[in-house]
Amino acid sequence: MLSRRKFLTITGVMFVLFFMFQFSNVTKEKWNDYGTNEYEKTQKQGTEKKDTLHTDEQKKRDLIVYIGDIEGTNVGRVVAEWASYTKREIAHYMSLSDCKADTQDLPEAVLLDSNYLDLKGDVQTLLEMTEKGTNLIFCNLPETAVIEQESGLQELLGITQIKTESTQIEGVHLFEGFLLGGSMQYYATTKKEKKKQDLELNEPWYVTHSGTKHYMVGMKEDTEVDNEELPSLIWRSSVRKSKIFAVNGDYMEDSTGLGILTAFMSELHDYE
């Protein structure tokens, strides 16, 4: 049985311990600086409008213009879907003459469905746009006969020779550094592979000038054909202050077009 003296001693010790622990926690909570950001001043300075990606200049780069039917064609739907995925503002017109974009606020790029171009009148307009540094993307190409007649269009596309309106290719060679992955060759060698082949193997044969950057070419069985003269399928030329991207074929009519457009944009901006 505890005596009164021992009971009071134990109670006193417990009270002292309780007070010590509680006092330290209360003091810690009262005098802590958890809610203070020592970098607050620096952070505010770092998020000023002029130092962020969301500047007026960036917003201009996020604007793209599309010439074509945005809803009624496969190419238009792919472009609209890509713009939505990449959070870009898109302005679309059924013809180049309808485009009333402010020439001082150049869009990031102008995407063109060649089926909606009046090439006799629009070629000169496109050449004038290259003087201002407007980048152009031909999502498809006009008929070979039209390109052959329009020297200005050949200049835009970097085409120096049209070998034939249609040639049989065995497959395609995708060069390293364009889409994800390295250099790849896609072609069918067995009957089973040929049955599943879904690539368009008949394309116009365009040869481009030496300054052109090729992303994909068609492969020929003829080993005497130099690599520089293989049928160009996806490439980039430079005209005046602009970069001109071209797609020869129907690659922009399905989900493949999403990757192609993103790859084109990565060629324009290091941050893409």
C-alpha atoms as a PDB file:
ATOM      1  CA  MET A   1       0.000   0.000   0.000  1.00  0.00           C
ATOM      2  CA  LEU A   2       1.365   3.404  -1.047  1.00  0.00           C
ATOM      3  CA  SER A   3       1.806   6.057   1.538  1.00  0.00           C
ATOM      4  CA  ARG A   4       0.465   9.527   0.924  1.00  0.00           C
ATOM      5  CA  ARG A   5       4.012  10.853   0.546  1.00  0.00           C
ATOM      6  CA  LYS A   6       4.960   8.335  -2.169  1.00  0.00           C
ATOM      7  CA  PHE A   7       1.674   8.946  -3.971  1.00  0.00           C
ATOM      8  CA  LEU A   8       2.272  12.707  -4.072  1.00  0.00           C
ATOM      9  CA  THR A   9       5.869  12.149  -5.233  1.00  0.00           C
ATOM     10  CA  ILE A  10       4.790   9.892  -8.126  1.00  0.00           C
ATOM     11  CA  THR A  11       2.015  12.309  -9.081  1.00  0.00           C
ATOM     12  CA  GLY A  12       4.442  15.214  -9.047  1.00  0.00           C
ATOM     13  CA  VAL A  13       6.936  13.394 -11.275  1.00  0.00           C
ATOM     14  CA  MET A  14       4.200  12.487 -13.770  1.00  0.00           C
ATOM     15  CA  PHE A  15       3.001  16.089 -13.834  1.00  0.00           C
ATOM     16  CA  VAL A  16       6.504  17.379 -14.457  1.00  0.00           C
ATOM     17  CA  LEU A  17       7.054  14.909 -17.309  1.00  0.00           C
ATOM     18  CA  PHE A  18       3.666  15.759 -18.810  1.00  0.00           C
ATOM     19  CA  PHE A  19       4.418  19.485 -18.586  1.00  0.00           C
ATOM     20  CA  MET A  20       7.851  19.075 -20.165  1.00  0.00           C
ATOM     21  CA  PHE A  21       6.566  17.151 -23.176  1.00  0.00           C
ATOM     22  CA  GLN A  22       3.530  19.360 -23.717  1.00  0.00           C
ATOM     23  CA  PHE A  23       5.479  22.589 -23.256  1.00  0.00           C
ATOM     24  CA  SER A  24       8.070  21.594 -25.857  1.00  0.00           C
ATOM     25  CA  ASN A  25       5.370  20.693 -28.417  1.00  0.00           C
ATOM     26  CA  VAL A  26       3.381  23.872 -27.791  1.00  0.00           C
ATOM     27  CA  THR A  27       6.533  25.964 -28.086  1.00  0.00           C
ATOM     28  CA  LYS A  28       7.526  24.183 -31.289  1.00  0.00           C
ATOM     29  CA  GLU A  29       4.109  24.762 -32.856  1.00  0.00           C
ATOM     30  CA  LYS A  30       3.942  28.400 -31.753  1.00  0.00           C
ATOM     31  CA  TRP A  31       7.388  29.455 -32.869  1.00  0.00           C
ATOM     32  CA  ASN A  32       7.878  27.255 -35.964  1.00  0.00           C
ATOM     33  CA  ASP A  33       8.247  28.766 -39.440  1.00  0.00           C
ATOM     34  CA  TYR A  34       6.571  25.947 -41.348  1.00  0.00           C
ATOM     35  CA  GLY A  35       4.271  28.384 -43.140  1.00  0.00           C
ATOM     36  CA  THR A  36       7.069  30.685 -44.215  1.00  0.00           C
ATOM     37  CA  ASN A  37       8.744  30.222 -47.583  1.00  0.00           C
ATOM     38  CA  GLU A  38      12.256  31.580 -47.407  1.00  0.00           C
ATOM     39  CA  TYR A  39      12.293  31.629 -51.209  1.00  0.00           C
ATOM     40  CA  GLU A  40       8.984  33.494 -51.463  1.00  0.00           C
ATOM     41  CA  LYS A  41      10.547  36.655 -52.810  1.00  0.00           C
ATOM     42  CA  THR A  42      12.572  34.766 -55.385  1.00  0.00           C
ATOM     43  CA  GLN A  43       9.546  32.703 -56.365  1.00  0.00           C
ATOM     44  CA  LYS A  44       7.426  35.769 -56.978  1.00  0.00           C
ATOM     45  CA  GLN A  45      10.119  37.276 -59.099  1.00  0.00           C
ATOM     46  CA  GLY A  46      10.497  34.021 -61.042  1.00  0.00           C
ATOM     47  CA  THR A  47       6.828  33.827 -61.980  1.00  0.00           C
ATOM     48  CA  GLU A  48       6.464  37.296 -63.384  1.00  0.00           C
ATOM     49  CA  LYS A  49       4.851  37.334 -66.808  1.00  0.00           C
ATOM     50  CA  LYS A  50       8.060  38.130 -68.619  1.00  0.00           C
ATOM     51  CA  ASP A  51       9.848  35.094 -67.130  1.00  0.00           C
ATOM     52  CA  THR A  52       7.262  32.387 -67.787  1.00  0.00           C
ATOM     53  CA  LEU A  53       6.446  30.328 -70.863  1.00  0.00           C
ATOM     54  CA  HIS A  54       3.005  31.941 -70.958  1.00  0.00           C
ATOM     55  CA  THR A  55       4.164  35.194 -72.519  1.00  0.00           C
ATOM     56  CA  ASP A  56       2.525  36.913 -75.463  1.00  0.00           C
ATOM     57  CA  GLU A  57       5.305  35.547 -77.680  1.00  0.00           C
ATOM     58  CA  GLN A  58       4.601  32.005 -76.520  1.00  0.00           C
ATOM     59  CA  LYS A  59       0.873  32.433 -77.116  1.00  0.00           C
ATOM     60  CA  LYS A  60       1.593  33.510 -80.682  1.00  0.00           C
ATOM     61  CA  ARG A  61       3.679  30.379 -81.209  1.00  0.00           C
ATOM     62  CA  ASP A  62       0.791  28.287 -79.900  1.00  0.00           C
ATOM     63  CA  LEU A  63      -1.507  29.541 -82.668  1.00  0.00           C
ATOM     64  CA  ILE A  64      -1.709  27.458 -85.818  1.00  0.00           C
ATOM     65  CA  VAL A  65      -3.704  28.138 -88.957  1.00  0.00           C
ATOM     66  CA  TYR A  66      -5.283  25.341 -90.975  1.00  0.00           C
ATOM     67  CA  ILE A  67      -6.471  25.766 -94.552  1.00  0.00           C
ATOM     68  CA  GLY A  68      -9.028  23.071 -95.308  1.00  0.00           C
ATOM     69  CA  ASP A  69     -12.162  21.396 -93.995  1.00  0.00           C
ATOM     70  CA  ILE A  70     -11.608  20.802 -90.282  1.00  0.00           C
ATOM     71  CA  GLU A  71     -14.567  18.434 -89.876  1.00  0.00           C
ATOM     72  CA  GLY A  72     -15.378  16.894 -93.233  1.00  0.00           C
ATOM     73  CA  THR A  73     -12.012  15.321 -94.082  1.00  0.00           C
ATOM     74  CA  ASN A  74      -9.701  12.845 -92.381  1.00  0.00           C
ATOM     75  CA  VAL A  75      -6.785  15.284 -92.566  1.00  0.00           C
ATOM     76  CA  GLY A  76      -8.845  18.043 -90.942  1.00  0.00           C
ATOM     77  CA  ARG A  77      -9.978  15.795 -88.110  1.00  0.00           C
ATOM     78  CA  VAL A  78      -6.400  14.659 -87.438  1.00  0.00           C
ATOM     79  CA  VAL A  79      -5.215  18.286 -87.335  1.00  0.00           C
ATOM     80  CA  ALA A  80      -8.013  19.271 -84.946  1.00  0.00           C
ATOM     81  CA  GLU A  81      -7.300  16.294 -82.686  1.00  0.00           C
ATOM     82  CA  TRP A  82      -3.573  17.063 -82.648  1.00  0.00           C
ATOM     83  CA  ALA A  83      -4.213  20.727 -81.790  1.00  0.00           C
ATOM     84  CA  SER A  84      -6.437  19.633 -78.896  1.00  0.00           C
ATOM     85  CA  TYR A  85      -3.884  17.127 -77.568  1.00  0.00           C
ATOM     86  CA  THR A  86      -1.034  19.635 -77.714  1.00  0.00           C
ATOM     87  CA  LYS A  87      -3.161  22.523 -76.352  1.00  0.00           C
ATOM     88  CA  ARG A  88      -2.710  24.760 -79.363  1.00  0.00           C
ATOM     89  CA  GLU A  89      -5.170  27.359 -80.543  1.00  0.00           C
ATOM     90  CA  ILE A  90      -6.306  26.670 -84.089  1.00  0.00           C
ATOM     91  CA  ALA A  91      -7.838  29.011 -86.656  1.00  0.00           C
ATOM     92  CA  HIS A  92      -9.198  27.285 -89.750  1.00  0.00           C
ATOM     93  CA  TYR A  93     -10.336  28.600 -93.114  1.00  0.00           C
ATOM     94  CA  MET A  94     -11.709  26.949 -96.205  1.00  0.00           C
ATOM     95  CA  SER A  95      -9.329  28.896 -98.441  1.00  0.00           C
ATOM     96  CA  LEU A  96      -6.116  30.854 -98.109  1.00  0.00           C
ATOM     97  CA  SER A  97      -7.864  34.030 -99.279  1.00  0.00           C
ATOM     98  CA  ASP A  98     -10.205  33.800 -96.263  1.00  0.00           C
ATOM     99  CA  CYS A  99      -7.265  33.870 -93.873  1.00  0.00           C
ATOM    100  CA  LYS A 100      -7.190  37.346 -92.338  1.00  0.00           C
ATOM    101  CA  ALA A 101      -4.426  36.673 -89.797  1.00  0.00           C
ATOM    102  CA  ASP A 102      -2.535  39.730 -88.591  1.00  0.00           C
ATOM    103  CA  THR A 103       0.751  39.756 -90.445  1.00  0.00           C
ATOM    104  CA  GLN A 104       2.476  41.142 -87.348  1.00  0.00           C
ATOM    105  CA  ASP A 105       1.364  38.184 -85.238  1.00  0.00           C
ATOM    106  CA  LEU A 106       2.636  35.239 -87.225  1.00  0.00           C
ATOM    107  CA  PRO A 107       1.203  31.843 -86.311  1.00  0.00           C
ATOM    108  CA  GLU A 108       3.461  28.997 -85.270  1.00  0.00           C
ATOM    109  CA  ALA A 109       2.749  27.332 -88.610  1.00  0.00           C
ATOM    110  CA  VAL A 110       0.209  27.263 -91.421  1.00  0.00           C
ATOM    111  CA  LEU A 111      -1.038  23.755 -92.233  1.00  0.00           C
ATOM    112  CA  LEU A 112      -2.300  23.226 -95.760  1.00  0.00           C
ATOM    113  CA  ASP A 113      -4.661  20.698 -97.283  1.00  0.00           C
ATOM    114  CA  SER A 114      -3.677  21.035-100.946  1.00  0.00           C
ATOM    115  CA  ASN A 115      -7.200  20.149-102.055  1.00  0.00           C
ATOM    116  CA  TYR A 116      -8.350  23.537-100.733  1.00  0.00           C
ATOM    117  CA  LEU A 117      -5.660  25.657-102.381  1.00  0.00           C
ATOM    118  CA  ASP A 118      -6.165  27.768-105.486  1.00  0.00           C
ATOM    119  CA  LEU A 119      -2.624  27.131-106.606  1.00  0.00           C
ATOM    120  CA  LYS A 120      -2.594  29.644-109.443  1.00  0.00           C
ATOM    121  CA  GLY A 121      -3.302  32.460-107.007  1.00  0.00           C
ATOM    122  CA  ASP A 122      -2.104  31.015-103.720  1.00  0.00           C
ATOM    123  CA  VAL A 123       1.475  30.092-104.653  1.00  0.00           C
ATOM    124  CA  GLN A 124       2.527  33.737-104.760  1.00  0.00           C
ATOM    125  CA  THR A 125       0.798  34.354-101.425  1.00  0.00           C
ATOM    126  CA  LEU A 126       2.641  31.418 -99.885  1.00  0.00           C
ATOM    127  CA  LEU A 127       5.964  32.699-101.229  1.00  0.00           C
ATOM    128  CA  GLU A 128       5.226  36.105 -99.673  1.00  0.00           C
ATOM    129  CA  MET A 129       4.507  34.378 -96.372  1.00  0.00           C
ATOM    130  CA  THR A 130       7.973  32.821 -96.433  1.00  0.00           C
ATOM    131  CA  GLU A 131       9.441  36.326 -96.613  1.00  0.00           C
ATOM    132  CA  LYS A 132       7.863  37.011 -93.224  1.00  0.00           C
ATOM    133  CA  GLY A 133       9.094  33.760 -91.694  1.00  0.00           C
ATOM    134  CA  THR A 134       5.822  31.821 -91.709  1.00  0.00           C
ATOM    135  CA  ASN A 135       6.440  28.059 -91.512  1.00  0.00           C
ATOM    136  CA  LEU A 136       4.302  25.943 -93.848  1.00  0.00           C
ATOM    137  CA  ILE A 137       3.208  22.319 -93.595  1.00  0.00           C
ATOM    138  CA  PHE A 138       1.781  20.610 -96.681  1.00  0.00           C
ATOM    139  CA  CYS A 139      -0.340  17.833 -95.157  1.00  0.00           C
ATOM    140  CA  ASN A 140      -0.668  16.378 -98.659  1.00  0.00           C
ATOM    141  CA  LEU A 141       0.509  17.373-102.108  1.00  0.00           C
ATOM    142  CA  PRO A 142      -1.359  18.473-105.248  1.00  0.00           C
ATOM    143  CA  GLU A 143      -1.450  16.316-108.349  1.00  0.00           C
ATOM    144  CA  THR A 144       1.938  15.770-109.947  1.00  0.00           C
ATOM    145  CA  ALA A 145       0.841  17.513-113.156  1.00  0.00           C
ATOM    146  CA  VAL A 146      -0.039  20.641-111.153  1.00  0.00           C
ATOM    147  CA  ILE A 147       3.331  20.663-109.387  1.00  0.00           C
ATOM    148  CA  GLU A 148       5.058  20.225-112.742  1.00  0.00           C
ATOM    149  CA  GLN A 149       3.321  23.321-114.113  1.00  0.00           C
ATOM    150  CA  GLU A 150       3.919  25.548-111.092  1.00  0.00           C
ATOM    151  CA  SER A 151       7.582  26.495-110.730  1.00  0.00           C
ATOM    152  CA  GLY A 152       6.773  28.500-107.600  1.00  0.00           C
ATOM    153  CA  LEU A 153       5.302  25.413-105.983  1.00  0.00           C
ATOM    154  CA  GLN A 154       8.415  23.424-106.860  1.00  0.00           C
ATOM    155  CA  GLU A 155      10.472  26.163-105.203  1.00  0.00           C
ATOM    156  CA  LEU A 156       8.357  25.965-102.050  1.00  0.00           C
ATOM    157  CA  LEU A 157       8.616  22.179-101.852  1.00  0.00           C
ATOM    158  CA  GLY A 158      12.290  22.020-102.793  1.00  0.00           C
ATOM    159  CA  ILE A 159      11.558  19.737-105.758  1.00  0.00           C
ATOM    160  CA  THR A 160      14.194  19.760-108.498  1.00  0.00           C
ATOM    161  CA  GLN A 161      13.000  16.816-110.573  1.00  0.00           C
ATOM    162  CA  ILE A 162       9.829  14.822-111.107  1.00  0.00           C
ATOM    163  CA  LYS A 163      10.983  11.420-112.328  1.00  0.00           C
ATOM    164  CA  THR A 164       7.536   9.884-112.736  1.00  0.00           C
ATOM    165  CA  GLU A 165       3.938  10.459-111.650  1.00  0.00           C
ATOM    166  CA  SER A 166       3.823   7.034-109.989  1.00  0.00           C
ATOM    167  CA  THR A 167       6.465   4.507-109.036  1.00  0.00           C
ATOM    168  CA  GLN A 168       6.378   1.192-107.235  1.00  0.00           C
ATOM    169  CA  ILE A 169       8.339   1.167-103.962  1.00  0.00           C
ATOM    170  CA  GLU A 170       9.203  -1.905-101.920  1.00  0.00           C
ATOM    171  CA  GLY A 171       8.903  -0.222 -98.529  1.00  0.00           C
ATOM    172  CA  VAL A 172       9.879   2.915 -96.654  1.00  0.00           C
ATOM    173  CA  HIS A 173      12.991   4.023 -94.801  1.00  0.00           C
ATOM    174  CA  LEU A 174      12.310   6.203 -91.743  1.00  0.00           C
ATOM    175  CA  PHE A 175      15.436   8.065 -90.703  1.00  0.00           C
ATOM    176  CA  GLU A 176      16.670   8.374 -87.145  1.00  0.00           C
ATOM    177  CA  GLY A 177      15.712  11.440 -85.114  1.00  0.00           C
ATOM    178  CA  PHE A 178      12.233  12.066 -86.524  1.00  0.00           C
ATOM    179  CA  LEU A 179       9.702   9.907 -84.703  1.00  0.00           C
ATOM    180  CA  LEU A 180      10.527   8.030 -81.503  1.00  0.00           C
ATOM    181  CA  GLY A 181      13.101   5.326 -82.031  1.00  0.00           C
ATOM    182  CA  GLY A 182      16.007   5.000 -84.384  1.00  0.00           C
ATOM    183  CA  SER A 183      16.316   4.405 -88.089  1.00  0.00           C
ATOM    184  CA  MET A 184      13.810   1.830 -89.355  1.00  0.00           C
ATOM    185  CA  GLN A 185      13.005   0.162 -92.651  1.00  0.00           C
ATOM    186  CA  TYR A 186       9.475  -1.086 -93.208  1.00  0.00           C
ATOM    187  CA  TYR A 187       8.936  -3.558 -96.017  1.00  0.00           C
ATOM    188  CA  ALA A 188       7.343  -6.935 -96.559  1.00  0.00           C
ATOM    189  CA  THR A 189       9.482  -9.924 -97.509  1.00  0.00           C
ATOM    190  CA  THR A 190       7.149 -12.912 -97.034  1.00  0.00           C
ATOM    191  CA  LYS A 191       3.713 -13.584 -98.509  1.00  0.00           C
ATOM    192  CA  LYS A 192       2.168 -13.270 -95.041  1.00  0.00           C
ATOM    193  CA  GLU A 193       3.799  -9.884 -94.466  1.00  0.00           C
ATOM    194  CA  LYS A 194       2.780  -8.674 -97.923  1.00  0.00           C
ATOM    195  CA  LYS A 195      -0.821  -9.671 -97.202  1.00  0.00           C
ATOM    196  CA  LYS A 196      -0.801  -7.466 -94.086  1.00  0.00           C
ATOM    197  CA  GLN A 197       1.010  -4.614 -95.825  1.00  0.00           C
ATOM    198  CA  ASP A 198      -0.986  -1.393 -95.410  1.00  0.00           C
ATOM    199  CA  LEU A 199       1.535   1.118 -96.746  1.00  0.00           C
ATOM    200  CA  GLU A 200       0.835   2.944 -99.987  1.00  0.00           C
ATOM    201  CA  LEU A 201       3.468   1.542-102.335  1.00  0.00           C
ATOM    202  CA  ASN A 202       2.676   3.634-105.401  1.00  0.00           C
ATOM    203  CA  GLU A 203       3.740   7.246-105.019  1.00  0.00           C
ATOM    204  CA  PRO A 204       4.962  10.076-107.263  1.00  0.00           C
ATOM    205  CA  TRP A 205       8.744  10.114-107.514  1.00  0.00           C
ATOM    206  CA  TYR A 206      10.078  13.502-106.482  1.00  0.00           C
ATOM    207  CA  VAL A 207      13.762  14.341-106.206  1.00  0.00           C
ATOM    208  CA  THR A 208      14.569  17.298-103.958  1.00  0.00           C
ATOM    209  CA  HIS A 209      17.540  19.655-103.844  1.00  0.00           C
ATOM    210  CA  SER A 210      20.679  18.937-101.838  1.00  0.00           C
ATOM    211  CA  GLY A 211      19.708  21.199 -98.917  1.00  0.00           C
ATOM    212  CA  THR A 212      16.557  19.225 -98.175  1.00  0.00           C
ATOM    213  CA  LYS A 213      16.286  17.272 -94.939  1.00  0.00           C
ATOM    214  CA  HIS A 214      14.638  13.886 -95.513  1.00  0.00           C
ATOM    215  CA  TYR A 215      12.659  12.147 -92.795  1.00  0.00           C
ATOM    216  CA  MET A 216      11.291   9.259 -94.860  1.00  0.00           C
ATOM    217  CA  VAL A 217      11.951   7.954 -98.372  1.00  0.00           C
ATOM    218  CA  GLY A 218      10.662   5.077-100.460  1.00  0.00           C
ATOM    219  CA  MET A 219      12.938   2.093-101.049  1.00  0.00           C
ATOM    220  CA  LYS A 220      13.572   0.750-104.550  1.00  0.00           C
ATOM    221  CA  GLU A 221      14.888  -2.633-105.655  1.00  0.00           C
ATOM    222  CA  ASP A 222      17.158  -0.897-108.139  1.00  0.00           C
ATOM    223  CA  THR A 223      20.464  -0.731-106.270  1.00  0.00           C
ATOM    224  CA  GLU A 224      21.848   1.780-108.774  1.00  0.00           C
ATOM    225  CA  VAL A 225      19.603   4.540-107.412  1.00  0.00           C
ATOM    226  CA  ASP A 226      21.535   6.843-105.079  1.00  0.00           C
ATOM    227  CA  ASN A 227      20.053   7.478-101.627  1.00  0.00           C
ATOM    228  CA  GLU A 228      19.643  11.177-102.457  1.00  0.00           C
ATOM    229  CA  GLU A 229      17.459  10.287-105.437  1.00  0.00           C
ATOM    230  CA  LEU A 230      15.114   7.839-103.745  1.00  0.00           C
ATOM    231  CA  PRO A 231      11.423   8.853-103.837  1.00  0.00           C
ATOM    232  CA  SER A 232      10.902  11.531-101.177  1.00  0.00           C
ATOM    233  CA  LEU A 233       7.950  10.855 -98.867  1.00  0.00           C
ATOM    234  CA  ILE A 234       8.373  13.214 -95.901  1.00  0.00           C
ATOM    235  CA  TRP A 235      10.881  16.060 -95.988  1.00  0.00           C
ATOM    236  CA  ARG A 236      11.704  19.633 -95.028  1.00  0.00           C
ATOM    237  CA  SER A 237      13.047  22.407 -97.229  1.00  0.00           C
ATOM    238  CA  SER A 238      13.993  25.969 -96.352  1.00  0.00           C
ATOM    239  CA  VAL A 239      12.714  28.904 -98.357  1.00  0.00           C
ATOM    240  CA  ARG A 240      13.839  32.412 -97.428  1.00  0.00           C
ATOM    241  CA  LYS A 241      13.044  32.769 -93.691  1.00  0.00           C
ATOM    242  CA  SER A 242      10.710  29.774 -93.430  1.00  0.00           C
ATOM    243  CA  LYS A 243      10.781  26.025 -93.100  1.00  0.00           C
ATOM    244  CA  ILE A 244       8.504  24.088 -95.439  1.00  0.00           C
ATOM    245  CA  PHE A 245       7.414  20.568 -94.482  1.00  0.00           C
ATOM    246  CA  ALA A 246       5.857  18.222 -97.027  1.00  0.00           C
ATOM    247  CA  VAL A 247       4.062  14.883 -96.826  1.00  0.00           C
ATOM    248  CA  ASN A 248       3.870  12.893-100.063  1.00  0.00           C
ATOM    249  CA  GLY A 249       1.113  10.342 -99.525  1.00  0.00           C
ATOM    250  CA  ASP A 250      -1.842   9.708 -97.226  1.00  0.00           C
ATOM    251  CA  TYR A 251       0.120   9.509 -93.960  1.00  0.00           C
ATOM    252  CA  MET A 252      -1.795  12.444 -92.480  1.00  0.00           C
ATOM    253  CA  GLU A 253      -5.188  10.785 -92.771  1.00  0.00           C
ATOM    254  CA  ASP A 254      -4.986   8.618 -89.642  1.00  0.00           C
ATOM    255  CA  SER A 255      -3.372   8.605 -86.201  1.00  0.00           C
ATOM    256  CA  THR A 256       0.084   8.510 -87.796  1.00  0.00           C
ATOM    257  CA  GLY A 257      -0.483  12.185 -88.581  1.00  0.00           C
ATOM    258  CA  LEU A 258      -0.491  13.042 -84.858  1.00  0.00           C
ATOM    259  CA  GLY A 259       3.098  11.872 -84.524  1.00  0.00           C
ATOM    260  CA  ILE A 260       4.183  13.471 -87.792  1.00  0.00           C
ATOM    261  CA  LEU A 261       2.864  16.912 -86.783  1.00  0.00           C
ATOM    262  CA  THR A 262       4.491  16.693 -83.361  1.00  0.00           C
ATOM    263  CA  ALA A 263       7.767  15.687 -84.988  1.00  0.00           C
ATOM    264  CA  PHE A 264       7.502  18.670 -87.347  1.00  0.00           C
ATOM    265  CA  MET A 265       6.982  21.010 -84.392  1.00  0.00           C
ATOM    266  CA  SER A 266      10.030  19.561 -82.634  1.00  0.00           C
ATOM    267  CA  GLU A 267      12.046  20.644 -85.656  1.00  0.00           C
ATOM    268  CA  LEU A 268      10.895  24.227 -85.060  1.00  0.00           C
ATOM    269  CA  HIS A 269      11.374  24.447 -81.278  1.00  0.00           C
ATOM    270  CA  ASP A 270      13.945  22.916 -78.974  1.00  0.00           C
ATOM    271  CA  TYR A 271      11.446  22.794 -76.081  1.00  0.00           C
ATOM    272  CA  GLU A 272       8.895  20.607 -77.901  1.00  0.00           C
END
